[in-house]
Amino acid sequence: MRTAAALFYLSGWAAAAFSAEAWQVDAVIRIESAGKASALGDNGAARGLAQFHWAAWADCSRVRAARGLPTYPYSQAFNPI
Protein backbone atom coordinates (compact mmCIF):
# COMPACT_ATOMS: atom_id res chain seq x y z
CA MET A 1 0.00 0.00 0.00
CA ARG A 2 1.21 3.52 -0.68
CA THR A 3 2.74 5.59 2.15
CA ALA A 4 0.07 8.30 2.25
CA ALA A 5 -2.75 5.81 1.91
CA ALA A 6 -1.22 3.58 4.56
CA LEU A 7 -0.75 6.52 6.90
CA PHE A 8 -4.39 7.55 6.47
CA TYR A 9 -6.02 4.13 6.34
CA LEU A 10 -3.95 2.25 8.89
CA SER A 11 -4.14 5.06 11.41
CA GLY A 12 -7.55 3.72 12.26
CA TRP A 13 -8.93 7.25 12.13
CA ALA A 14 -10.43 6.70 8.71
CA ALA A 15 -11.95 3.38 9.65
CA ALA A 16 -13.32 4.66 12.95
CA ALA A 17 -14.68 7.92 11.61
CA PHE A 18 -15.97 6.83 8.23
CA SER A 19 -15.87 3.02 8.16
CA ALA A 20 -13.51 3.45 5.22
CA GLU A 21 -12.80 0.52 2.99
CA ALA A 22 -9.63 0.15 0.92
CA TRP A 23 -11.56 1.00 -2.27
CA GLN A 24 -12.70 4.28 -0.69
CA VAL A 25 -9.13 5.26 0.16
CA ASP A 26 -8.15 4.37 -3.40
CA ALA A 27 -10.97 6.59 -4.69
CA VAL A 28 -9.61 9.53 -2.67
CA ILE A 29 -6.17 8.94 -4.16
CA ARG A 30 -7.58 8.88 -7.68
CA ILE A 31 -9.55 12.09 -7.16
CA GLU A 32 -6.86 14.01 -5.29
CA SER A 33 -3.79 13.11 -7.36
CA ALA A 34 -4.87 10.89 -10.27
CA GLY A 35 -2.55 8.31 -8.70
CA LYS A 36 0.57 10.48 -9.10
CA ALA A 37 2.84 10.18 -6.07
CA SER A 38 4.62 13.40 -7.06
CA ALA A 39 1.42 15.48 -7.10
CA LEU A 40 1.44 18.95 -5.51
CA GLY A 41 -1.76 20.84 -4.79
CA ASP A 42 -3.01 23.93 -3.01
CA ASN A 43 -0.07 25.97 -4.27
CA GLY A 44 2.40 23.39 -2.98
CA ALA A 45 0.83 22.91 0.45
CA ALA A 46 -0.66 19.48 -0.32
CA ARG A 47 1.62 16.58 -1.19
CA GLY A 48 1.48 13.12 -2.64
CA LEU A 49 -1.19 10.61 -3.51
CA ALA A 50 -3.78 11.71 -0.96
CA GLN A 51 -2.80 15.39 -1.04
CA PHE A 52 -1.94 15.61 2.65
CA HIS A 53 -1.24 18.98 4.22
CA TRP A 54 1.42 19.02 6.93
CA ALA A 55 -1.13 19.41 9.75
CA ALA A 56 -3.17 16.39 8.61
CA TRP A 57 0.03 14.34 8.26
CA ALA A 58 1.04 15.33 11.80
CA ASP A 59 -2.40 14.39 13.16
CA CYS A 60 -2.28 10.95 11.53
CA SER A 61 1.26 10.47 12.78
CA ARG A 62 0.16 11.18 16.36
CA VAL A 63 -2.63 8.60 16.07
CA ARG A 64 -0.23 6.04 14.60
CA ALA A 65 2.37 6.67 17.31
CA ALA A 66 -0.26 6.29 20.04
CA ARG A 67 -1.17 2.90 18.58
CA GLY A 68 2.44 1.76 18.36
CA LEU A 69 2.50 1.98 14.57
CA PRO A 70 5.45 3.37 12.65
CA THR A 71 5.37 7.01 11.62
CA TYR A 72 6.97 8.68 8.62
CA PRO A 73 8.32 12.19 8.08
CA TYR A 74 6.25 14.53 5.89
CA SER A 75 8.98 14.34 3.28
CA GLN A 76 7.77 10.78 2.64
CA ALA A 77 4.39 12.04 1.36
CA PHE A 78 5.76 11.74 -2.17
CA ASN A 79 7.13 8.21 -1.77
CA PRO A 80 4.76 5.33 -2.46
CA ILE A 81 5.69 2.09 -0.73
PDB file of N, CA and C in Angstrom:
ATOM      1  N   MET A   1       0.846  -1.178   0.000  1.00  0.00           N
ATOM      2  CA  MET A   1       0.000   0.000   0.000  1.00  0.00           C
ATOM      3  C   MET A   1       0.888   1.237   0.000  1.00  0.00           C
ATOM      4  N   ARG A   2       0.435   2.286  -0.562  1.00  0.00           N
ATOM      5  CA  ARG A   2       1.211   3.522  -0.680  1.00  0.00           C
ATOM      6  C   ARG A   2       1.352   4.207   0.671  1.00  0.00           C
ATOM      7  N   THR A   3       2.456   4.946   0.864  1.00  0.00           N
ATOM      8  CA  THR A   3       2.736   5.585   2.149  1.00  0.00           C
ATOM      9  C   THR A   3       1.598   6.456   2.630  1.00  0.00           C
ATOM     10  N   ALA A   4       1.139   7.389   1.820  1.00  0.00           N
ATOM     11  CA  ALA A   4       0.075   8.296   2.248  1.00  0.00           C
ATOM     12  C   ALA A   4      -1.208   7.534   2.542  1.00  0.00           C
ATOM     13  N   ALA A   5      -1.538   6.597   1.683  1.00  0.00           N
ATOM     14  CA  ALA A   5      -2.746   5.812   1.906  1.00  0.00           C
ATOM     15  C   ALA A   5      -2.615   4.979   3.164  1.00  0.00           C
ATOM     16  N   ALA A   6      -1.446   4.385   3.362  1.00  0.00           N
ATOM     17  CA  ALA A   6      -1.218   3.583   4.559  1.00  0.00           C
ATOM     18  C   ALA A   6      -1.300   4.444   5.801  1.00  0.00           C
ATOM     19  N   LEU A   7      -0.720   5.614   5.752  1.00  0.00           N
ATOM     20  CA  LEU A   7      -0.751   6.516   6.901  1.00  0.00           C
ATOM     21  C   LEU A   7      -2.190   6.849   7.258  1.00  0.00           C
ATOM     22  N   PHE A   8      -2.993   7.179   6.274  1.00  0.00           N
ATOM     23  CA  PHE A   8      -4.385   7.545   6.475  1.00  0.00           C
ATOM     24  C   PHE A   8      -5.213   6.337   6.912  1.00  0.00           C
ATOM     25  N   TYR A   9      -5.156   5.288   6.131  1.00  0.00           N
ATOM     26  CA  TYR A   9      -6.018   4.129   6.343  1.00  0.00           C
ATOM     27  C   TYR A   9      -5.644   3.347   7.591  1.00  0.00           C
ATOM     28  N   LEU A  10      -4.377   3.068   7.765  1.00  0.00           N
ATOM     29  CA  LEU A  10      -3.946   2.248   8.887  1.00  0.00           C
ATOM     30  C   LEU A  10      -3.914   2.999  10.202  1.00  0.00           C
ATOM     31  N   SER A  11      -4.095   4.307  10.160  1.00  0.00           N
ATOM     32  CA  SER A  11      -4.136   5.060  11.415  1.00  0.00           C
ATOM     33  C   SER A  11      -5.348   4.655  12.229  1.00  0.00           C
ATOM     34  N   GLY A  12      -6.333   4.085  11.577  1.00  0.00           N
ATOM     35  CA  GLY A  12      -7.549   3.716  12.256  1.00  0.00           C
ATOM     36  C   GLY A  12      -8.548   4.867  12.287  1.00  0.00           C
ATOM     37  N   TRP A  13      -8.057   6.080  12.103  1.00  0.00           N
ATOM     38  CA  TRP A  13      -8.930   7.245  12.126  1.00  0.00           C
ATOM     39  C   TRP A  13      -9.957   7.147  11.014  1.00  0.00           C
ATOM     40  N   ALA A  14      -9.513   6.792   9.835  1.00  0.00           N
ATOM     41  CA  ALA A  14     -10.433   6.696   8.705  1.00  0.00           C
ATOM     42  C   ALA A  14     -11.477   5.617   8.954  1.00  0.00           C
ATOM     43  N   ALA A  15     -11.023   4.474   9.411  1.00  0.00           N
ATOM     44  CA  ALA A  15     -11.946   3.375   9.645  1.00  0.00           C
ATOM     45  C   ALA A  15     -12.932   3.707  10.761  1.00  0.00           C
ATOM     46  N   ALA A  16     -12.442   4.334  11.825  1.00  0.00           N
ATOM     47  CA  ALA A  16     -13.316   4.656  12.951  1.00  0.00           C
ATOM     48  C   ALA A  16     -14.300   5.768  12.592  1.00  0.00           C
ATOM     49  N   ALA A  17     -13.841   6.770  11.893  1.00  0.00           N
ATOM     50  CA  ALA A  17     -14.684   7.920  11.607  1.00  0.00           C
ATOM     51  C   ALA A  17     -15.638   7.677  10.442  1.00  0.00           C
ATOM     52  N   PHE A  18     -15.188   6.963   9.451  1.00  0.00           N
ATOM     53  CA  PHE A  18     -15.970   6.831   8.228  1.00  0.00           C
ATOM     54  C   PHE A  18     -16.246   5.394   7.806  1.00  0.00           C
ATOM     55  N   SER A  19     -15.788   4.419   8.571  1.00  0.00           N
ATOM     56  CA  SER A  19     -15.873   3.017   8.160  1.00  0.00           C
ATOM     57  C   SER A  19     -15.300   2.863   6.754  1.00  0.00           C
ATOM     58  N   ALA A  20     -14.138   3.453   6.542  1.00  0.00           N
ATOM     59  CA  ALA A  20     -13.507   3.455   5.218  1.00  0.00           C
ATOM     60  C   ALA A  20     -13.045   2.063   4.822  1.00  0.00           C
ATOM     61  N   GLU A  21     -13.286   1.744   3.603  1.00  0.00           N
ATOM     62  CA  GLU A  21     -12.798   0.516   2.992  1.00  0.00           C
ATOM     63  C   GLU A  21     -11.610   0.878   2.112  1.00  0.00           C
ATOM     64  N   ALA A  22     -10.801  -0.110   1.758  1.00  0.00           N
ATOM     65  CA  ALA A  22      -9.634   0.148   0.920  1.00  0.00           C
ATOM     66  C   ALA A  22     -10.031   0.807  -0.399  1.00  0.00           C
ATOM     67  N   TRP A  23     -11.148   0.412  -0.989  1.00  0.00           N
ATOM     68  CA  TRP A  23     -11.562   0.996  -2.267  1.00  0.00           C
ATOM     69  C   TRP A  23     -11.894   2.474  -2.110  1.00  0.00           C
ATOM     70  N   GLN A  24     -12.380   2.878  -0.917  1.00  0.00           N
ATOM     71  CA  GLN A  24     -12.696   4.280  -0.694  1.00  0.00           C
ATOM     72  C   GLN A  24     -11.426   5.118  -0.592  1.00  0.00           C
ATOM     73  N   VAL A  25     -10.414   4.571   0.075  1.00  0.00           N
ATOM     74  CA  VAL A  25      -9.130   5.260   0.158  1.00  0.00           C
ATOM     75  C   VAL A  25      -8.539   5.392  -1.244  1.00  0.00           C
ATOM     76  N   ASP A  26      -8.633   4.323  -2.031  1.00  0.00           N
ATOM     77  CA  ASP A  26      -8.146   4.370  -3.405  1.00  0.00           C
ATOM     78  C   ASP A  26      -8.895   5.430  -4.213  1.00  0.00           C
ATOM     79  N   ALA A  27     -10.189   5.574  -3.983  1.00  0.00           N
ATOM     80  CA  ALA A  27     -10.971   6.589  -4.688  1.00  0.00           C
ATOM     81  C   ALA A  27     -10.483   7.994  -4.335  1.00  0.00           C
ATOM     82  N   VAL A  28     -10.157   8.230  -3.068  1.00  0.00           N
ATOM     83  CA  VAL A  28      -9.612   9.534  -2.665  1.00  0.00           C
ATOM     84  C   VAL A  28      -8.304   9.793  -3.399  1.00  0.00           C
ATOM     85  N   ILE A  29      -7.455   8.796  -3.465  1.00  0.00           N
ATOM     86  CA  ILE A  29      -6.171   8.939  -4.161  1.00  0.00           C
ATOM     87  C   ILE A  29      -6.393   9.290  -5.629  1.00  0.00           C
ATOM     88  N   ARG A  30      -7.317   8.620  -6.262  1.00  0.00           N
ATOM     89  CA  ARG A  30      -7.584   8.884  -7.685  1.00  0.00           C
ATOM     90  C   ARG A  30      -8.109  10.301  -7.905  1.00  0.00           C
ATOM     91  N   ILE A  31      -8.972  10.743  -7.019  1.00  0.00           N
ATOM     92  CA  ILE A  31      -9.546  12.085  -7.165  1.00  0.00           C
ATOM     93  C   ILE A  31      -8.521  13.163  -6.844  1.00  0.00           C
ATOM     94  N   GLU A  32      -7.782  12.977  -5.760  1.00  0.00           N
ATOM     95  CA  GLU A  32      -6.857  14.014  -5.293  1.00  0.00           C
ATOM     96  C   GLU A  32      -5.620  14.156  -6.170  1.00  0.00           C
ATOM     97  N   SER A  33      -5.074  13.032  -6.660  1.00  0.00           N
ATOM     98  CA  SER A  33      -3.788  13.114  -7.365  1.00  0.00           C
ATOM     99  C   SER A  33      -3.737  12.351  -8.680  1.00  0.00           C
ATOM    100  N   ALA A  34      -4.839  11.752  -9.076  1.00  0.00           N
ATOM    101  CA  ALA A  34      -4.869  10.894 -10.266  1.00  0.00           C
ATOM    102  C   ALA A  34      -3.826   9.780 -10.156  1.00  0.00           C
ATOM    103  N   GLY A  35      -3.506   9.384  -8.928  1.00  0.00           N
ATOM    104  CA  GLY A  35      -2.552   8.311  -8.699  1.00  0.00           C
ATOM    105  C   GLY A  35      -1.096   8.709  -8.854  1.00  0.00           C
ATOM    106  N   LYS A  36      -0.814   9.998  -8.933  1.00  0.00           N
ATOM    107  CA  LYS A  36       0.565  10.484  -9.103  1.00  0.00           C
ATOM    108  C   LYS A  36       1.181  10.779  -7.741  1.00  0.00           C
ATOM    109  N   ALA A  37       2.183   9.999  -7.364  1.00  0.00           N
ATOM    110  CA  ALA A  37       2.843  10.182  -6.069  1.00  0.00           C
ATOM    111  C   ALA A  37       3.521  11.539  -5.956  1.00  0.00           C
ATOM    112  N   SER A  38       3.908  12.117  -7.076  1.00  0.00           N
ATOM    113  CA  SER A  38       4.624  13.399  -7.063  1.00  0.00           C
ATOM    114  C   SER A  38       3.696  14.613  -7.108  1.00  0.00           C
ATOM    115  N   ALA A  39       2.391  14.394  -6.972  1.00  0.00           N
ATOM    116  CA  ALA A  39       1.417  15.485  -7.097  1.00  0.00           C
ATOM    117  C   ALA A  39       1.598  16.539  -6.007  1.00  0.00           C
ATOM    118  N   LEU A  40       1.464  17.790  -6.418  1.00  0.00           N
ATOM    119  CA  LEU A  40       1.436  18.946  -5.514  1.00  0.00           C
ATOM    120  C   LEU A  40       0.111  19.660  -5.736  1.00  0.00           C
ATOM    121  N   GLY A  41      -0.513  20.109  -4.664  1.00  0.00           N
ATOM    122  CA  GLY A  41      -1.760  20.844  -4.785  1.00  0.00           C
ATOM    123  C   GLY A  41      -1.799  22.005  -3.816  1.00  0.00           C
ATOM    124  N   ASP A  42      -2.841  22.774  -3.887  1.00  0.00           N
ATOM    125  CA  ASP A  42      -3.013  23.932  -3.006  1.00  0.00           C
ATOM    126  C   ASP A  42      -1.753  24.794  -2.962  1.00  0.00           C
ATOM    127  N   ASN A  43      -1.269  25.138  -4.140  1.00  0.00           N
ATOM    128  CA  ASN A  43      -0.068  25.970  -4.274  1.00  0.00           C
ATOM    129  C   ASN A  43       1.140  25.381  -3.551  1.00  0.00           C
ATOM    130  N   GLY A  44       1.258  24.060  -3.587  1.00  0.00           N
ATOM    131  CA  GLY A  44       2.405  23.386  -2.983  1.00  0.00           C
ATOM    132  C   GLY A  44       2.207  22.946  -1.547  1.00  0.00           C
ATOM    133  N   ALA A  45       1.068  23.264  -0.946  1.00  0.00           N
ATOM    134  CA  ALA A  45       0.826  22.914   0.453  1.00  0.00           C
ATOM    135  C   ALA A  45       0.376  21.467   0.638  1.00  0.00           C
ATOM    136  N   ALA A  46      -0.188  20.855  -0.389  1.00  0.00           N
ATOM    137  CA  ALA A  46      -0.663  19.476  -0.321  1.00  0.00           C
ATOM    138  C   ALA A  46       0.274  18.595  -1.136  1.00  0.00           C
ATOM    139  N   ARG A  47       0.618  17.445  -0.558  1.00  0.00           N
ATOM    140  CA  ARG A  47       1.616  16.580  -1.192  1.00  0.00           C
ATOM    141  C   ARG A  47       1.124  15.149  -1.385  1.00  0.00           C
ATOM    142  N   GLY A  48       1.596  14.552  -2.453  1.00  0.00           N
ATOM    143  CA  GLY A  48       1.483  13.120  -2.639  1.00  0.00           C
ATOM    144  C   GLY A  48       0.135  12.616  -3.116  1.00  0.00           C
ATOM    145  N   LEU A  49      -0.026  11.310  -2.994  1.00  0.00           N
ATOM    146  CA  LEU A  49      -1.188  10.612  -3.509  1.00  0.00           C
ATOM    147  C   LEU A  49      -2.507  11.106  -2.923  1.00  0.00           C
ATOM    148  N   ALA A  50      -2.544  11.301  -1.611  1.00  0.00           N
ATOM    149  CA  ALA A  50      -3.783  11.708  -0.955  1.00  0.00           C
ATOM    150  C   ALA A  50      -3.839  13.202  -0.698  1.00  0.00           C
ATOM    151  N   GLN A  51      -2.844  13.941  -1.179  1.00  0.00           N
ATOM    152  CA  GLN A  51      -2.795  15.393  -1.040  1.00  0.00           C
ATOM    153  C   GLN A  51      -2.883  15.834   0.419  1.00  0.00           C
ATOM    154  N   PHE A  52      -2.013  15.254   1.235  1.00  0.00           N
ATOM    155  CA  PHE A  52      -1.939  15.607   2.648  1.00  0.00           C
ATOM    156  C   PHE A  52      -1.293  16.970   2.843  1.00  0.00           C
ATOM    157  N   HIS A  53      -1.883  17.772   3.708  1.00  0.00           N
ATOM    158  CA  HIS A  53      -1.237  18.981   4.217  1.00  0.00           C
ATOM    159  C   HIS A  53      -0.422  18.560   5.436  1.00  0.00           C
ATOM    160  N   TRP A  54       0.555  19.368   5.811  1.00  0.00           N
ATOM    161  CA  TRP A  54       1.421  19.023   6.928  1.00  0.00           C
ATOM    162  C   TRP A  54       0.620  18.755   8.198  1.00  0.00           C
ATOM    163  N   ALA A  55      -0.364  19.572   8.514  1.00  0.00           N
ATOM    164  CA  ALA A  55      -1.129  19.408   9.755  1.00  0.00           C
ATOM    165  C   ALA A  55      -1.877  18.075   9.782  1.00  0.00           C
ATOM    166  N   ALA A  56      -2.463  17.675   8.667  1.00  0.00           N
ATOM    167  CA  ALA A  56      -3.167  16.391   8.608  1.00  0.00           C
ATOM    168  C   ALA A  56      -2.188  15.236   8.760  1.00  0.00           C
ATOM    169  N   TRP A  57      -1.009  15.363   8.139  1.00  0.00           N
ATOM    170  CA  TRP A  57       0.030  14.339   8.260  1.00  0.00           C
ATOM    171  C   TRP A  57       0.447  14.204   9.726  1.00  0.00           C
ATOM    172  N   ALA A  58       0.631  15.341  10.389  1.00  0.00           N
ATOM    173  CA  ALA A  58       1.037  15.330  11.801  1.00  0.00           C
ATOM    174  C   ALA A  58      -0.041  14.687  12.673  1.00  0.00           C
ATOM    175  N   ASP A  59      -1.306  14.988  12.397  1.00  0.00           N
ATOM    176  CA  ASP A  59      -2.400  14.389  13.159  1.00  0.00           C
ATOM    177  C   ASP A  59      -2.413  12.873  13.001  1.00  0.00           C
ATOM    178  N   CYS A  60      -2.307  12.399  11.776  1.00  0.00           N
ATOM    179  CA  CYS A  60      -2.285  10.952  11.534  1.00  0.00           C
ATOM    180  C   CYS A  60      -1.062  10.309  12.176  1.00  0.00           C
ATOM    181  N   SER A  61       0.049  10.998  12.149  1.00  0.00           N
ATOM    182  CA  SER A  61       1.265  10.471  12.776  1.00  0.00           C
ATOM    183  C   SER A  61       1.085  10.327  14.282  1.00  0.00           C
ATOM    184  N   ARG A  62       0.422  11.282  14.919  1.00  0.00           N
ATOM    185  CA  ARG A  62       0.162  11.179  16.363  1.00  0.00           C
ATOM    186  C   ARG A  62      -0.720   9.973  16.674  1.00  0.00           C
ATOM    187  N   VAL A  63      -1.748   9.749  15.869  1.00  0.00           N
ATOM    188  CA  VAL A  63      -2.631   8.600  16.069  1.00  0.00           C
ATOM    189  C   VAL A  63      -1.842   7.304  15.897  1.00  0.00           C
ATOM    190  N   ARG A  64      -1.030   7.244  14.841  1.00  0.00           N
ATOM    191  CA  ARG A  64      -0.232   6.038  14.598  1.00  0.00           C
ATOM    192  C   ARG A  64       0.742   5.782  15.747  1.00  0.00           C
ATOM    193  N   ALA A  65       1.409   6.823  16.215  1.00  0.00           N
ATOM    194  CA  ALA A  65       2.370   6.668  17.306  1.00  0.00           C
ATOM    195  C   ALA A  65       1.669   6.170  18.572  1.00  0.00           C
ATOM    196  N   ALA A  66       0.490   6.703  18.857  1.00  0.00           N
ATOM    197  CA  ALA A  66      -0.264   6.289  20.040  1.00  0.00           C
ATOM    198  C   ALA A  66      -0.669   4.825  19.970  1.00  0.00           C
ATOM    199  N   ARG A  67      -0.794   4.304  18.764  1.00  0.00           N
ATOM    200  CA  ARG A  67      -1.171   2.895  18.577  1.00  0.00           C
ATOM    201  C   ARG A  67       0.035   1.992  18.365  1.00  0.00           C
ATOM    202  N   GLY A  68       1.223   2.551  18.520  1.00  0.00           N
ATOM    203  CA  GLY A  68       2.436   1.762  18.365  1.00  0.00           C
ATOM    204  C   GLY A  68       2.792   1.452  16.922  1.00  0.00           C
ATOM    205  N   LEU A  69       2.205   2.184  15.989  1.00  0.00           N
ATOM    206  CA  LEU A  69       2.500   1.979  14.571  1.00  0.00           C
ATOM    207  C   LEU A  69       3.643   2.885  14.147  1.00  0.00           C
ATOM    208  N   PRO A  70       4.366   2.507  13.111  1.00  0.00           N
ATOM    209  CA  PRO A  70       5.454   3.373  12.645  1.00  0.00           C
ATOM    210  C   PRO A  70       4.912   4.684  12.085  1.00  0.00           C
ATOM    211  N   THR A  71       5.713   5.725  12.205  1.00  0.00           N
ATOM    212  CA  THR A  71       5.372   7.013  11.623  1.00  0.00           C
ATOM    213  C   THR A  71       6.430   7.369  10.587  1.00  0.00           C
ATOM    214  N   TYR A  72       6.089   8.296   9.720  1.00  0.00           N
ATOM    215  CA  TYR A  72       6.973   8.679   8.625  1.00  0.00           C
ATOM    216  C   TYR A  72       7.065  10.199   8.567  1.00  0.00           C
ATOM    217  N   PRO A  73       8.211  10.733   8.200  1.00  0.00           N
ATOM    218  CA  PRO A  73       8.322  12.191   8.077  1.00  0.00           C
ATOM    219  C   PRO A  73       7.487  12.680   6.889  1.00  0.00           C
ATOM    220  N   TYR A  74       7.071  13.935   6.953  1.00  0.00           N
ATOM    221  CA  TYR A  74       6.249  14.530   5.894  1.00  0.00           C
ATOM    222  C   TYR A  74       6.942  14.462   4.537  1.00  0.00           C
ATOM    223  N   SER A  75       8.257  14.451   4.549  1.00  0.00           N
ATOM    224  CA  SER A  75       8.984  14.339   3.275  1.00  0.00           C
ATOM    225  C   SER A  75       8.663  13.039   2.548  1.00  0.00           C
ATOM    226  N   GLN A  76       8.134  12.050   3.249  1.00  0.00           N
ATOM    227  CA  GLN A  76       7.766  10.776   2.636  1.00  0.00           C
ATOM    228  C   GLN A  76       6.410  10.817   1.934  1.00  0.00           C
ATOM    229  N   ALA A  77       5.721  11.942   1.994  1.00  0.00           N
ATOM    230  CA  ALA A  77       4.393  12.036   1.359  1.00  0.00           C
ATOM    231  C   ALA A  77       4.456  11.762  -0.137  1.00  0.00           C
ATOM    232  N   PHE A  78       5.598  11.979  -0.740  1.00  0.00           N
ATOM    233  CA  PHE A  78       5.763  11.738  -2.172  1.00  0.00           C
ATOM    234  C   PHE A  78       6.190  10.309  -2.511  1.00  0.00           C
ATOM    235  N   ASN A  79       6.532   9.520  -1.523  1.00  0.00           N
ATOM    236  CA  ASN A  79       7.134   8.214  -1.772  1.00  0.00           C
ATOM    237  C   ASN A  79       6.146   7.077  -1.558  1.00  0.00           C
ATOM    238  N   PRO A  80       5.623   6.496  -2.640  1.00  0.00           N
ATOM    239  CA  PRO A  80       4.760   5.335  -2.457  1.00  0.00           C
ATOM    240  C   PRO A  80       5.599   4.138  -2.006  1.00  0.00           C
ATOM    241  N   ILE A  81       4.997   3.302  -1.210  1.00  0.00           N
ATOM    242  CA  ILE A  81       5.692   2.088  -0.732  1.00  0.00           C
ATOM    243  C   ILE A  81       5.562   1.017  -1.792  1.00  0.00           C
TER     244      ILE A  81
END
